[in-house]
Amino acid sequence: MQTIDFRLEGEYVELNQLLKLVGIVDSGGAGKMLVASGEVQVDGKTELRKTCKIRAGQQVGLGDVRIRVHA
């Protein structure tokens, strides 16, 4: 399992943009499609909201990749 630590610059980052910023997808649009497919989890639950606000302390999962979001 791969773990990626992401340092949050503001209050939150949109889920599709987070996937782009850590290099999982090439664009925000590709991130939206990935979220819509039902493959992305936030804090262990499937998330279908493409622009869901991800805040410090949350974890995003996709397959064997985990993204930990820090302030």
C-alpha atoms as a PDB file:
ATOM      1  CA  MET A   1       0.000   0.000   0.000  1.00  0.00           C
ATOM      2  CA  GLN A   2       1.285   3.427  -0.961  1.00  0.00           C
ATOM      3  CA  THR A   3       0.708   6.365   1.397  1.00  0.00           C
ATOM      4  CA  ILE A   4       0.894   9.957   0.192  1.00  0.00           C
ATOM      5  CA  ASP A   5       1.045  12.845   2.672  1.00  0.00           C
ATOM      6  CA  PHE A   6      -0.554  16.051   1.369  1.00  0.00           C
ATOM      7  CA  ARG A   7      -0.066  19.387   3.118  1.00  0.00           C
ATOM      8  CA  LEU A   8      -3.177  21.544   2.872  1.00  0.00           C
ATOM      9  CA  GLU A   9      -2.540  25.218   2.016  1.00  0.00           C
ATOM     10  CA  GLY A  10      -6.023  26.575   2.799  1.00  0.00           C
ATOM     11  CA  GLU A  11      -9.109  25.438   4.697  1.00  0.00           C
ATOM     12  CA  TYR A  12      -9.961  22.646   2.241  1.00  0.00           C
ATOM     13  CA  VAL A  13      -9.264  21.173  -1.198  1.00  0.00           C
ATOM     14  CA  GLU A  14     -11.888  19.747  -3.541  1.00  0.00           C
ATOM     15  CA  LEU A  15     -11.634  15.981  -3.958  1.00  0.00           C
ATOM     16  CA  ASN A  16     -11.143  16.038  -7.741  1.00  0.00           C
ATOM     17  CA  GLN A  17      -8.384  18.662  -7.369  1.00  0.00           C
ATOM     18  CA  LEU A  18      -6.650  16.655  -4.633  1.00  0.00           C
ATOM     19  CA  LEU A  19      -6.417  13.666  -6.963  1.00  0.00           C
ATOM     20  CA  LYS A  20      -4.831  15.958  -9.566  1.00  0.00           C
ATOM     21  CA  LEU A  21      -2.421  17.633  -7.128  1.00  0.00           C
ATOM     22  CA  VAL A  22      -0.992  14.328  -5.866  1.00  0.00           C
ATOM     23  CA  GLY A  23      -0.554  13.028  -9.424  1.00  0.00           C
ATOM     24  CA  ILE A  24      -3.173  10.268  -9.510  1.00  0.00           C
ATOM     25  CA  VAL A  25      -4.911  11.914 -12.488  1.00  0.00           C
ATOM     26  CA  ASP A  26      -3.729  14.443 -15.079  1.00  0.00           C
ATOM     27  CA  SER A  27      -6.644  16.875 -14.802  1.00  0.00           C
ATOM     28  CA  GLY A  28      -9.526  17.909 -12.585  1.00  0.00           C
ATOM     29  CA  GLY A  29     -11.932  16.513 -15.181  1.00  0.00           C
ATOM     30  CA  ALA A  30     -10.276  13.114 -14.998  1.00  0.00           C
ATOM     31  CA  GLY A  31     -10.540  13.358 -11.214  1.00  0.00           C
ATOM     32  CA  LYS A  32     -14.281  14.011 -11.495  1.00  0.00           C
ATOM     33  CA  MET A  33     -14.736  10.935 -13.692  1.00  0.00           C
ATOM     34  CA  LEU A  34     -12.738   8.800 -11.251  1.00  0.00           C
ATOM     35  CA  VAL A  35     -14.861   9.959  -8.303  1.00  0.00           C
ATOM     36  CA  ALA A  36     -18.080   9.394 -10.292  1.00  0.00           C
ATOM     37  CA  SER A  37     -16.987   5.809 -10.970  1.00  0.00           C
ATOM     38  CA  GLY A  38     -17.313   5.026  -7.246  1.00  0.00           C
ATOM     39  CA  GLU A  39     -13.676   3.982  -6.803  1.00  0.00           C
ATOM     40  CA  VAL A  40     -12.701   6.761  -4.375  1.00  0.00           C
ATOM     41  CA  GLN A  41     -13.247   6.563  -0.623  1.00  0.00           C
ATOM     42  CA  VAL A  42     -13.084   9.343   1.963  1.00  0.00           C
ATOM     43  CA  ASP A  43     -12.516   8.180   5.530  1.00  0.00           C
ATOM     44  CA  GLY A  44     -13.419   4.619   4.514  1.00  0.00           C
ATOM     45  CA  LYS A  45     -16.725   5.442   2.788  1.00  0.00           C
ATOM     46  CA  THR A  46     -17.361   5.620  -0.956  1.00  0.00           C
ATOM     47  CA  GLU A  47     -17.604   9.259  -2.032  1.00  0.00           C
ATOM     48  CA  LEU A  48     -19.513  10.237  -5.176  1.00  0.00           C
ATOM     49  CA  ARG A  49     -19.460  14.041  -4.733  1.00  0.00           C
ATOM     50  CA  LYS A  50     -16.781  15.187  -7.167  1.00  0.00           C
ATOM     51  CA  THR A  51     -16.088  18.495  -5.433  1.00  0.00           C
ATOM     52  CA  CYS A  52     -16.419  17.198  -1.867  1.00  0.00           C
ATOM     53  CA  LYS A  53     -14.392  19.427   0.484  1.00  0.00           C
ATOM     54  CA  ILE A  54     -11.444  17.520   1.941  1.00  0.00           C
ATOM     55  CA  ARG A  55     -10.093  19.016   5.156  1.00  0.00           C
ATOM     56  CA  ALA A  56      -7.063  18.371   7.360  1.00  0.00           C
ATOM     57  CA  GLY A  57      -7.269  15.041   9.183  1.00  0.00           C
ATOM     58  CA  GLN A  58      -9.193  13.223   6.475  1.00  0.00           C
ATOM     59  CA  GLN A  59      -7.930  10.276   4.425  1.00  0.00           C
ATOM     60  CA  VAL A  60      -8.710   9.537   0.801  1.00  0.00           C
ATOM     61  CA  GLY A  61      -8.348   6.031  -0.597  1.00  0.00           C
ATOM     62  CA  LEU A  62      -8.164   4.712  -4.131  1.00  0.00           C
ATOM     63  CA  GLY A  63      -7.222   1.083  -4.640  1.00  0.00           C
ATOM     64  CA  ASP A  64      -3.996   0.527  -2.703  1.00  0.00           C
ATOM     65  CA  VAL A  65      -3.201   4.261  -2.442  1.00  0.00           C
ATOM     66  CA  ARG A  66      -3.982   6.292   0.689  1.00  0.00           C
ATOM     67  CA  ILE A  67      -3.742  10.084   0.821  1.00  0.00           C
ATOM     68  CA  ARG A  68      -3.417  11.601   4.285  1.00  0.00           C
ATOM     69  CA  VAL A  69      -4.315  15.302   4.420  1.00  0.00           C
ATOM     70  CA  HIS A  70      -2.445  17.470   6.937  1.00  0.00           C
ATOM     71  CA  ALA A  71      -2.806  21.131   7.904  1.00  0.00           C
END
